[in-house]
């Protein structure tokens, strides 16, 4: 898998799941992978987009955690990407709401 394909898969995955929540770090791997890290509002997400269109996801929040490797079309991977970024969006909305109440 070329570097361009890895970057494109990372971009599509971020567009679909992160929806504008920018990562805190983007780190190129020596194997051609691209790691993205969100460490915000008590939630941590590590997403590694690797060669052969593989995703390695780890997330941890006050509510749950999960780690796994799979393809972007894998139902379990898709479900957990949704949970991870949904939790981060929920915490971001909650944080904004608390600031607005002050």
C-alpha atoms as a PDB file:
ATOM      1  CA  UNK A   1       0.000   0.000   0.000  1.00  0.00           C
ATOM      2  CA  UNK A   2       1.462   3.335  -0.983  1.00  0.00           C
ATOM      3  CA  UNK A   3       1.893   6.244   1.408  1.00  0.00           C
ATOM      4  CA  UNK A   4      -0.778   8.145  -0.526  1.00  0.00           C
ATOM      5  CA  UNK A   5      -3.320   5.347  -0.013  1.00  0.00           C
ATOM      6  CA  UNK A   6      -2.561   5.249   3.739  1.00  0.00           C
ATOM      7  CA  UNK A   7      -3.044   9.028   3.973  1.00  0.00           C
ATOM      8  CA  UNK A   8      -6.287   8.824   1.960  1.00  0.00           C
ATOM      9  CA  UNK A   9      -7.652   6.041   4.198  1.00  0.00           C
ATOM     10  CA  UNK A  10      -6.728   8.057   7.296  1.00  0.00           C
ATOM     11  CA  UNK A  11      -8.481  11.123   5.862  1.00  0.00           C
ATOM     12  CA  UNK A  12     -11.644   9.199   4.955  1.00  0.00           C
ATOM     13  CA  UNK A  13     -11.755   7.503   8.361  1.00  0.00           C
ATOM     14  CA  UNK A  14     -11.302  10.836  10.153  1.00  0.00           C
ATOM     15  CA  UNK A  15     -13.961  12.519   8.011  1.00  0.00           C
ATOM     16  CA  UNK A  16     -16.410   9.729   8.721  1.00  0.00           C
ATOM     17  CA  UNK A  17     -15.792   9.316  12.454  1.00  0.00           C
ATOM     18  CA  UNK A  18     -13.875  12.284  13.933  1.00  0.00           C
ATOM     19  CA  UNK A  19     -16.004  14.824  12.034  1.00  0.00           C
ATOM     20  CA  UNK A  20     -13.847  17.871  12.599  1.00  0.00           C
ATOM     21  CA  UNK A  21     -12.262  16.894  15.912  1.00  0.00           C
ATOM     22  CA  UNK A  22      -8.601  17.392  15.105  1.00  0.00           C
ATOM     23  CA  UNK A  23      -6.017  14.913  16.404  1.00  0.00           C
ATOM     24  CA  UNK A  24      -3.485  16.062  18.980  1.00  0.00           C
ATOM     25  CA  UNK A  25      -0.702  14.204  17.195  1.00  0.00           C
ATOM     26  CA  UNK A  26      -0.047  12.603  13.813  1.00  0.00           C
ATOM     27  CA  UNK A  27       2.971  10.311  13.726  1.00  0.00           C
ATOM     28  CA  UNK A  28       4.351   8.502  10.672  1.00  0.00           C
ATOM     29  CA  UNK A  29       5.430   4.930  11.329  1.00  0.00           C
ATOM     30  CA  UNK A  30       8.549   3.289   9.965  1.00  0.00           C
ATOM     31  CA  UNK A  31       6.355   0.615   8.321  1.00  0.00           C
ATOM     32  CA  UNK A  32       4.447   3.204   6.270  1.00  0.00           C
ATOM     33  CA  UNK A  33       1.606   3.486   8.758  1.00  0.00           C
ATOM     34  CA  UNK A  34       0.163   6.710  10.080  1.00  0.00           C
ATOM     35  CA  UNK A  35      -0.790   7.006  13.755  1.00  0.00           C
ATOM     36  CA  UNK A  36      -3.300   9.591  14.912  1.00  0.00           C
ATOM     37  CA  UNK A  37      -3.843  10.400  18.584  1.00  0.00           C
ATOM     38  CA  UNK A  38      -6.654  12.265  20.313  1.00  0.00           C
ATOM     39  CA  UNK A  39      -6.094  12.894  24.024  1.00  0.00           C
ATOM     40  CA  UNK A  40      -8.885  15.249  24.976  1.00  0.00           C
ATOM     41  CA  UNK A  41     -11.422  15.761  27.737  1.00  0.00           C
ATOM     42  CA  UNK A  42     -10.544  12.560  29.562  1.00  0.00           C
ATOM     43  CA  UNK A  43     -10.822  10.410  26.426  1.00  0.00           C
ATOM     44  CA  UNK A  44      -7.855   8.859  24.610  1.00  0.00           C
ATOM     45  CA  UNK A  45      -8.009   7.474  21.059  1.00  0.00           C
ATOM     46  CA  UNK A  46      -5.101   5.915  19.184  1.00  0.00           C
ATOM     47  CA  UNK A  47      -5.795   5.089  15.554  1.00  0.00           C
ATOM     48  CA  UNK A  48      -3.068   3.548  13.415  1.00  0.00           C
ATOM     49  CA  UNK A  49      -3.781   3.340   9.695  1.00  0.00           C
ATOM     50  CA  UNK A  50      -1.439   0.729   8.349  1.00  0.00           C
ATOM     51  CA  UNK A  51      -0.317  -0.959   5.215  1.00  0.00           C
ATOM     52  CA  UNK A  52      -2.802  -3.351   3.616  1.00  0.00           C
ATOM     53  CA  UNK A  53      -5.694  -1.081   4.693  1.00  0.00           C
ATOM     54  CA  UNK A  54      -5.572  -2.200   8.313  1.00  0.00           C
ATOM     55  CA  UNK A  55      -6.752  -0.135  11.263  1.00  0.00           C
ATOM     56  CA  UNK A  56      -5.466  -0.539  14.794  1.00  0.00           C
ATOM     57  CA  UNK A  57      -7.765   1.197  17.257  1.00  0.00           C
ATOM     58  CA  UNK A  58      -7.352   1.693  20.981  1.00  0.00           C
ATOM     59  CA  UNK A  59      -9.604   3.944  22.968  1.00  0.00           C
ATOM     60  CA  UNK A  60     -10.173   4.616  26.624  1.00  0.00           C
ATOM     61  CA  UNK A  61     -12.693   6.883  28.272  1.00  0.00           C
ATOM     62  CA  UNK A  62     -14.257   7.071  31.719  1.00  0.00           C
ATOM     63  CA  UNK A  63     -17.043   4.887  30.287  1.00  0.00           C
ATOM     64  CA  UNK A  64     -15.236   2.098  28.427  1.00  0.00           C
ATOM     65  CA  UNK A  65     -12.160   0.936  26.539  1.00  0.00           C
ATOM     66  CA  UNK A  66     -11.419  -1.301  23.591  1.00  0.00           C
ATOM     67  CA  UNK A  67      -8.494  -2.378  21.419  1.00  0.00           C
ATOM     68  CA  UNK A  68      -8.532  -4.213  18.143  1.00  0.00           C
ATOM     69  CA  UNK A  69      -7.165  -4.545  14.632  1.00  0.00           C
ATOM     70  CA  UNK A  70      -9.239  -4.915  11.496  1.00  0.00           C
ATOM     71  CA  UNK A  71     -10.212  -3.574   8.133  1.00  0.00           C
ATOM     72  CA  UNK A  72     -12.234  -0.377   7.782  1.00  0.00           C
ATOM     73  CA  UNK A  73     -15.197  -2.475   6.599  1.00  0.00           C
ATOM     74  CA  UNK A  74     -15.119  -4.831   9.606  1.00  0.00           C
ATOM     75  CA  UNK A  75     -18.427  -4.391  11.509  1.00  0.00           C
ATOM     76  CA  UNK A  76     -16.765  -4.579  14.923  1.00  0.00           C
ATOM     77  CA  UNK A  77     -14.144  -2.007  13.903  1.00  0.00           C
ATOM     78  CA  UNK A  78     -16.826   0.317  12.510  1.00  0.00           C
ATOM     79  CA  UNK A  79     -18.895  -0.023  15.672  1.00  0.00           C
ATOM     80  CA  UNK A  80     -15.944   0.755  17.934  1.00  0.00           C
ATOM     81  CA  UNK A  81     -14.800   3.706  15.813  1.00  0.00           C
ATOM     82  CA  UNK A  82     -18.310   5.090  16.228  1.00  0.00           C
ATOM     83  CA  UNK A  83     -18.256   4.526  19.982  1.00  0.00           C
ATOM     84  CA  UNK A  84     -14.791   6.025  20.439  1.00  0.00           C
ATOM     85  CA  UNK A  85     -15.464   9.214  18.505  1.00  0.00           C
ATOM     86  CA  UNK A  86     -19.055   9.433  19.712  1.00  0.00           C
ATOM     87  CA  UNK A  87     -17.757   9.467  23.277  1.00  0.00           C
ATOM     88  CA  UNK A  88     -15.261  12.204  22.402  1.00  0.00           C
ATOM     89  CA  UNK A  89     -17.956  14.325  20.704  1.00  0.00           C
ATOM     90  CA  UNK A  90     -20.308  13.791  23.664  1.00  0.00           C
ATOM     91  CA  UNK A  91     -17.624  14.898  26.109  1.00  0.00           C
ATOM     92  CA  UNK A  92     -16.817  17.931  23.925  1.00  0.00           C
ATOM     93  CA  UNK A  93     -20.500  18.974  23.857  1.00  0.00           C
ATOM     94  CA  UNK A  94     -20.800  18.424  27.602  1.00  0.00           C
ATOM     95  CA  UNK A  95     -17.676  20.499  28.250  1.00  0.00           C
ATOM     96  CA  UNK A  96     -18.996  23.367  26.087  1.00  0.00           C
ATOM     97  CA  UNK A  97     -22.366  23.198  27.842  1.00  0.00           C
ATOM     98  CA  UNK A  98     -20.714  23.392  31.277  1.00  0.00           C
ATOM     99  CA  UNK A  99     -18.648  26.427  30.196  1.00  0.00           C
ATOM    100  CA  UNK A 100     -21.782  28.133  28.835  1.00  0.00           C
ATOM    101  CA  UNK A 101     -23.560  27.668  32.173  1.00  0.00           C
ATOM    102  CA  UNK A 102     -20.980  29.659  34.088  1.00  0.00           C
END
